[in-house]
C-alpha cells in the first residue's frame, strides 16, 4: 500500500485526535496536513503507520495548544470549541467514548488539563492507544504517561456531567424545544427548561450576542421568546442538526448564511444548558457566514444597533443576566 493510501485511510482518525486536543476544526485540519507533509518527507518506513502518524499529529497539536492557550486567555467573553457537525472517525467498539468525548461539555473540561494531560487522555481514554505508543507520541516515559492519565481521568470524572437520556429521547425533546422557540411559546419553553438552566454565548467580540449569559428557566424562556420575533422578522431558519454529538441546531439567514449554532445539554427530561456560537471565525467550515450585525439591525429596527463590532447586543427588555 502506498503512503498516500495509508494516510487517506487514517485521516479520519488523525483529524478526530487533533480536534479533541485542539477544539478547533481549522487548527485540526492544519495539523493533519502538516502530519502528511512530515510523513511524505520521512525516509524510513515506520513499522506501524497508524502509531507513527498518531504520534506526529499529537506532537504538532501539543505545540499548537501551548500557543493557543495564550490567545484564549485574551479571548473576549466565553470560549467554546468550534462546532463539529459530524465526527469523521467511526469505531463501533469505542462508539460511546467517541460520542462522549466530542461533546461541548467534555471539550470544555479538557480545556482545564495541561497540553500533555489532554493528549494522553485523548489517546488513552478515547482512542485506546497503549502506553508504549502514547509514551512515544508525547516523548515521556510510560510511567510518566500513566501518571498523566490518572490525573487527567480524575479531573474529567470530577467535572463530567451525566446525561442519562438516550439519543432518541434527547432528539425528541430538542425537537419540541426548537418548535417552541420558532413559535415564541413562552409557556412551552419554560416547561422544557431545567430550573437552573444556563444559556451562554460565544461571539468572541466579533458578532452580536443574541444571548450572552442567562440563568433560570423563566429568565431564559423570556430571552428565547423575545429572540423568536427578530429571527422571524429577518426570515431566519432553524435547522435541527446534531452538533458535537448532541442535539442542536444551525441558524441561517434568508440567504442560507450561518448566523450561529446551538448545542443542547439534556438531562432528566429537561434542557440543562444552551451553548450558542456566533463568532464568524468559528462558523466558516459550516458554509457561507451571514453578516450577523446586518441581521441584528434588520431584526430590531426599533433599536439602534451597536456601532462597534466588539459591542454585544443588549438583552431583551425586562430580562436581566
Protein backbone atom coordinates (compact mmCIF):
# COMPACT_ATOMS: atom_id res chain seq x y z
CA UNK A 1 0.00 0.00 0.00
CA UNK A 2 1.32 3.45 -0.88
CA UNK A 3 1.90 6.11 1.75
CA UNK A 4 -0.81 8.26 0.21
CA UNK A 5 -3.34 5.44 0.51
CA UNK A 6 -2.30 4.66 4.08
CA UNK A 7 -2.59 8.31 5.05
CA UNK A 8 -6.02 8.76 3.46
CA UNK A 9 -7.33 5.73 5.33
CA UNK A 10 -6.02 7.11 8.63
CA UNK A 11 -7.00 10.75 8.02
CA UNK A 12 -10.37 10.48 9.87
CA UNK A 13 -8.60 9.14 12.95
CA UNK A 14 -5.91 11.83 12.80
CA UNK A 15 -8.50 14.61 12.48
CA UNK A 16 -10.51 13.21 15.38
CA UNK A 17 -7.43 13.11 17.60
CA UNK A 18 -6.43 16.64 16.60
CA UNK A 19 -9.90 18.12 17.10
CA UNK A 20 -10.23 16.71 20.60
CA UNK A 21 -6.84 18.07 21.59
CA UNK A 22 -7.32 21.49 19.97
CA UNK A 23 -11.07 22.12 19.96
CA UNK A 24 -10.75 23.80 16.57
CA UNK A 25 -11.77 22.41 13.19
CA UNK A 26 -9.40 24.70 11.28
CA UNK A 27 -6.41 24.02 13.52
CA UNK A 28 -7.12 20.29 13.44
CA UNK A 29 -7.19 20.29 9.64
CA UNK A 30 -3.91 22.23 9.57
CA UNK A 31 -2.34 19.74 11.99
CA UNK A 32 -3.41 16.83 9.81
CA UNK A 33 -1.99 18.50 6.71
CA UNK A 34 1.32 19.13 8.47
CA UNK A 35 1.34 15.49 9.53
CA UNK A 36 1.04 14.43 5.89
CA UNK A 37 3.96 16.66 4.90
CA UNK A 38 6.17 15.13 7.58
CA UNK A 39 5.09 11.61 6.67
CA UNK A 40 5.77 12.25 3.00
CA UNK A 41 9.24 13.60 3.83
CA UNK A 42 10.18 10.78 6.22
CA UNK A 43 12.84 8.49 4.76
CA UNK A 44 12.38 5.46 6.99
CA UNK A 45 9.33 3.27 6.65
CA UNK A 46 7.51 3.12 10.04
CA UNK A 47 6.68 -0.29 11.47
CA UNK A 48 3.15 0.96 12.21
CA UNK A 49 1.87 3.85 10.08
CA UNK A 50 -1.05 4.30 12.50
CA UNK A 51 1.20 4.68 15.55
CA UNK A 52 3.66 6.88 13.64
CA UNK A 53 1.02 9.24 12.28
CA UNK A 54 -0.85 9.43 15.59
CA UNK A 55 2.41 10.36 17.31
CA UNK A 56 3.22 13.05 14.74
CA UNK A 57 -0.22 14.69 14.84
CA UNK A 58 -0.21 14.57 18.66
CA UNK A 59 3.16 16.35 18.91
CA UNK A 60 2.00 19.01 16.43
CA UNK A 61 -1.20 19.53 18.41
CA UNK A 62 0.63 19.86 21.74
CA UNK A 63 2.77 22.65 20.26
CA UNK A 64 -0.27 24.38 18.76
CA UNK A 65 -2.24 24.07 22.00
CA UNK A 66 0.53 25.66 24.04
CA UNK A 67 0.46 28.78 21.87
CA UNK A 68 -3.33 28.72 21.54
CA UNK A 69 -3.75 28.90 25.30
CA UNK A 70 -2.19 32.36 25.33
CA UNK A 71 -4.71 33.54 22.72
CA UNK A 72 -7.61 32.01 24.61
CA UNK A 73 -6.66 33.86 27.78
CA UNK A 74 -7.18 37.09 25.81
CA UNK A 75 -10.42 35.91 24.19
CA UNK A 76 -13.43 38.23 24.50
CA UNK A 77 -16.16 36.51 26.51
CA UNK A 78 -16.73 32.77 26.93
CA UNK A 79 -14.68 30.49 24.65
CA UNK A 80 -16.30 27.40 23.12
CA UNK A 81 -14.85 24.85 20.70
CA UNK A 82 -15.67 25.23 17.02
CA UNK A 83 -18.92 23.40 16.26
CA UNK A 84 -18.44 19.96 14.72
CA UNK A 85 -21.39 18.54 12.81
CA UNK A 86 -20.02 15.03 12.25
CA UNK A 87 -17.02 13.11 13.59
CA UNK A 88 -15.31 11.52 10.55
CA UNK A 89 -13.84 8.66 12.61
CA UNK A 90 -16.14 5.77 13.41
CA UNK A 91 -15.22 2.81 15.61
CA UNK A 92 -18.13 0.63 16.83
CA UNK A 93 -16.02 -0.75 19.67
CA UNK A 94 -15.39 2.74 21.07
CA UNK A 95 -18.56 4.50 19.94
CA UNK A 96 -19.56 5.52 23.47
CA UNK A 97 -16.17 7.06 24.27
CA UNK A 98 -16.04 8.81 20.90
CA UNK A 99 -19.50 10.34 21.25
CA UNK A 100 -18.96 11.47 24.84
CA UNK A 101 -15.51 12.95 24.24
CA UNK A 102 -16.61 15.26 21.41
CA UNK A 103 -19.45 16.95 23.32
CA UNK A 104 -19.08 20.62 24.17
CA UNK A 105 -19.17 19.78 27.88
CA UNK A 106 -16.33 17.27 27.55
CA UNK A 107 -14.20 19.54 25.37
CA UNK A 108 -14.58 22.37 27.88
CA UNK A 109 -13.45 20.00 30.63
CA UNK A 110 -10.43 19.06 28.53
CA UNK A 111 -9.52 22.76 28.45
CA UNK A 112 -8.73 22.50 32.16
CA UNK A 113 -5.98 19.94 31.55
CA UNK A 114 -2.39 20.67 30.65
CA UNK A 115 -1.48 20.02 26.99
CA UNK A 116 0.29 16.78 27.94
CA UNK A 117 -2.58 15.57 30.14
CA UNK A 118 -5.04 16.36 27.39
CA UNK A 119 -3.05 14.50 24.75
CA UNK A 120 -2.56 11.43 26.98
CA UNK A 121 -6.24 11.35 27.95
CA UNK A 122 -7.40 11.59 24.34
CA UNK A 123 -5.05 8.87 23.12
CA UNK A 124 -5.69 6.51 26.04
CA UNK A 125 -9.29 7.00 27.13
CA UNK A 126 -10.87 7.93 23.80
CA UNK A 127 -8.88 6.02 21.19
CA UNK A 128 -7.48 3.18 23.28
CA UNK A 129 -3.78 3.52 22.45
CA UNK A 130 -1.34 1.55 24.59
CA UNK A 131 1.10 3.29 26.89
CA UNK A 132 4.16 2.38 24.77
CA UNK A 133 2.57 4.21 21.82
CA UNK A 134 1.48 7.12 23.99
CA UNK A 135 4.94 7.47 25.53
CA UNK A 136 6.43 7.71 22.05
CA UNK A 137 3.83 10.25 20.97
CA UNK A 138 4.32 12.66 23.88
CA UNK A 139 8.02 11.85 24.37
CA UNK A 140 7.70 10.88 28.01
CA UNK A 141 8.28 7.64 29.87
CA UNK A 142 5.49 5.10 30.20
CA UNK A 143 5.44 5.67 33.96
CA UNK A 144 5.03 9.41 33.46
CA UNK A 145 2.24 8.80 30.94
CA UNK A 146 0.40 6.57 33.41
CA UNK A 147 0.57 9.34 36.00
CA UNK A 148 -0.65 11.89 33.45
CA UNK A 149 -3.54 9.58 32.55
CA UNK A 150 -4.55 9.14 36.20
CA UNK A 151 -4.53 12.90 36.85
CA UNK A 152 -6.45 13.63 33.65
CA UNK A 153 -9.06 10.96 34.36
CA UNK A 154 -9.54 12.28 37.89
CA UNK A 155 -10.16 15.83 36.63
CA UNK A 156 -12.52 14.63 33.91
CA UNK A 157 -14.52 12.33 36.18
CA UNK A 158 -14.91 15.07 38.79
CA UNK A 159 -16.43 17.54 36.36
CA UNK A 160 -18.12 15.35 33.76
CA UNK A 161 -21.90 15.80 33.59
CA UNK A 162 -24.00 12.66 33.40
CA UNK A 163 -26.53 12.66 30.60
CA UNK A 164 -28.75 9.67 31.22
CA UNK A 165 -31.27 10.27 28.44
CA UNK A 166 -30.95 8.12 25.32
CA UNK A 167 -30.29 9.64 21.91
CA UNK A 168 -33.88 9.29 20.71
CA UNK A 169 -35.29 10.87 23.88
CA UNK A 170 -32.85 13.78 23.65
CA UNK A 171 -33.62 14.40 19.98
CA UNK A 172 -37.38 14.29 20.61
CA UNK A 173 -37.09 16.80 23.45
CA UNK A 174 -34.82 19.03 21.35
CA UNK A 175 -37.36 18.94 18.52
CA UNK A 176 -40.12 20.13 20.84
CA UNK A 177 -37.85 22.80 22.26
CA UNK A 178 -36.88 24.19 18.84
CA UNK A 179 -40.53 24.13 17.78
CA UNK A 180 -41.48 26.14 20.86
CA UNK A 181 -38.70 28.61 20.04
CA UNK A 182 -39.97 29.07 16.47
CA UNK A 183 -43.45 29.76 17.85
CA UNK A 184 -42.16 32.05 20.58
CA UNK A 185 -44.23 29.96 23.02
CA UNK A 186 -43.14 31.19 26.45
CA UNK A 187 -45.04 28.57 28.45
CA UNK A 188 -43.80 25.65 26.33
CA UNK A 189 -40.23 26.89 26.52
CA UNK A 190 -40.41 27.28 30.30
CA UNK A 191 -41.77 23.74 30.69
CA UNK A 192 -38.86 22.25 28.73
CA UNK A 193 -36.09 24.05 30.65
CA UNK A 194 -34.44 22.88 33.87
CA UNK A 195 -34.96 25.20 36.81
CA UNK A 196 -31.23 26.08 36.84
CA UNK A 197 -30.77 26.13 33.06
CA UNK A 198 -27.93 28.23 31.66
CA UNK A 199 -27.74 29.91 28.25
CA UNK A 200 -24.23 31.03 27.33
CA UNK A 201 -22.94 32.57 24.09
CA UNK A 202 -19.55 32.69 22.36
CA UNK A 203 -19.26 35.64 19.97
CA UNK A 204 -15.59 36.42 20.52
CA UNK A 205 -16.32 40.14 20.26
CA UNK A 206 -16.90 39.67 16.51
CA UNK A 207 -20.68 39.20 16.38
CA UNK A 208 -23.71 40.44 18.31
CA UNK A 209 -24.51 38.38 21.37
CA UNK A 210 -28.09 37.35 20.72
CA UNK A 211 -27.76 35.63 24.07
CA UNK A 212 -24.87 36.35 26.44
CA UNK A 213 -25.20 34.52 29.77
CA UNK A 214 -28.59 33.92 31.35
CA UNK A 215 -29.71 31.52 34.08
CA UNK A 216 -33.02 30.21 35.37
CA UNK A 217 -35.95 28.75 33.44
CA UNK A 218 -38.17 31.83 33.46
CA UNK A 219 -35.34 34.19 32.56
CA UNK A 220 -34.02 32.03 29.71
CA UNK A 221 -37.53 31.35 28.38
CA UNK A 222 -38.23 35.10 28.18
CA UNK A 223 -34.96 35.63 26.31
CA UNK A 224 -35.80 32.87 23.84
CA UNK A 225 -39.36 34.06 23.29
CA UNK A 226 -38.09 37.59 22.66
CA UNK A 227 -35.42 36.34 20.22
CA UNK A 228 -38.03 34.48 18.18
CA UNK A 229 -39.51 37.74 16.89
CA UNK A 230 -36.34 39.22 15.32
CA UNK A 231 -35.38 35.81 13.93
CA UNK A 232 -38.74 35.56 12.19
CA UNK A 233 -38.50 39.17 11.02
CA UNK A 234 -35.29 38.52 9.07
CA UNK A 235 -36.60 35.28 7.55
CA UNK A 236 -34.14 33.16 9.53
CA UNK A 237 -34.48 29.39 9.60
CA UNK A 238 -33.73 26.92 12.37
CA UNK A 239 -32.15 23.70 11.04
CA UNK A 240 -32.15 20.95 13.68
CA UNK A 241 -28.83 19.14 13.46
CA UNK A 242 -26.60 17.29 15.92
CA UNK A 243 -23.68 19.47 16.96
CA UNK A 244 -20.71 17.84 18.68
CA UNK A 245 -22.73 14.68 19.10
CA UNK A 246 -25.50 16.48 20.99
CA UNK A 247 -28.93 17.75 19.94
CA UNK A 248 -28.50 21.15 18.37
CA UNK A 249 -29.36 23.47 15.52
CA UNK A 250 -27.86 25.71 12.86
CA UNK A 251 -29.45 29.14 12.43
CA UNK A 252 -29.35 30.65 8.94
CA UNK A 253 -30.49 33.94 7.44
CA UNK A 254 -32.88 34.05 4.47
CA UNK A 255 -29.96 33.60 2.07
CA UNK A 256 -28.68 30.48 3.84
CA UNK A 257 -25.77 32.19 5.61
CA UNK A 258 -24.89 30.76 9.01
CA UNK A 259 -25.79 33.05 11.91
CA UNK A 260 -24.92 30.75 14.81
CA UNK A 261 -25.19 27.24 16.20
CA UNK A 262 -26.80 25.93 19.34
CA UNK A 263 -25.94 22.82 21.33
CA UNK A 264 -28.29 21.49 23.98
CA UNK A 265 -27.36 19.53 27.10
CA UNK A 266 -30.29 17.32 28.12
CA UNK A 267 -30.69 15.64 31.49
CA UNK A 268 -33.69 14.35 33.42
CA UNK A 269 -36.07 15.29 30.63
CA UNK A 270 -35.11 18.98 30.59
CA UNK A 271 -32.71 21.29 28.77
CA UNK A 272 -29.82 21.92 31.18
CA UNK A 273 -27.51 24.11 29.10
CA UNK A 274 -27.80 26.01 25.81
CA UNK A 275 -24.48 26.97 24.22
CA UNK A 276 -24.50 29.32 21.24
CA UNK A 277 -21.57 30.01 18.92
CA UNK A 278 -21.83 33.11 16.71
CA UNK A 279 -18.15 34.06 16.30
CA UNK A 280 -17.83 34.09 12.48
CA UNK A 281 -14.26 32.77 12.73
CA UNK A 282 -15.71 29.52 14.12
CA UNK A 283 -18.51 29.09 11.57
CA UNK A 284 -16.78 29.27 8.18
CA UNK A 285 -16.39 25.49 7.85
CA UNK A 286 -20.19 25.17 8.01
CA UNK A 287 -20.74 27.24 4.84
CA UNK A 288 -21.14 30.93 3.97
CA UNK A 289 -21.37 33.03 7.14
CA UNK A 290 -24.12 35.61 7.47
CA UNK A 291 -23.50 39.23 8.40
CA UNK A 292 -24.90 39.00 11.91
CA UNK A 293 -24.70 42.75 12.52
CA UNK A 294 -26.86 43.45 9.49
CA UNK A 295 -29.28 40.77 10.65
CA UNK A 296 -29.44 42.40 14.08
CA UNK A 297 -30.27 45.80 12.61
CA UNK A 298 -32.90 44.32 10.32
CA UNK A 299 -34.39 42.20 13.07
CA UNK A 300 -34.59 45.08 15.57
CA UNK A 301 -35.44 48.19 13.54
CA UNK A 302 -36.72 49.99 16.62
CA UNK A 303 -33.41 49.63 18.38
CA UNK A 304 -30.19 51.30 17.24
CA UNK A 305 -27.59 48.60 16.65
CA UNK A 306 -24.24 48.79 18.40
CA UNK A 307 -21.81 50.96 16.47
CA UNK A 308 -18.73 48.82 17.12
CA UNK A 309 -18.39 45.12 16.25
CA UNK A 310 -16.89 44.40 19.66
CA UNK A 311 -20.08 45.53 21.41
CA UNK A 312 -22.76 43.00 22.29
CA UNK A 313 -26.43 43.21 21.52
CA UNK A 314 -28.50 44.18 24.54
CA UNK A 315 -30.71 41.58 26.19
CA UNK A 316 -34.45 41.86 25.54
CA UNK A 317 -36.25 44.48 27.60
CA UNK A 318 -37.10 43.30 31.07
CA UNK A 319 -34.54 40.49 31.10
CA UNK A 320 -31.57 40.51 33.46
CA UNK A 321 -28.43 38.44 33.05
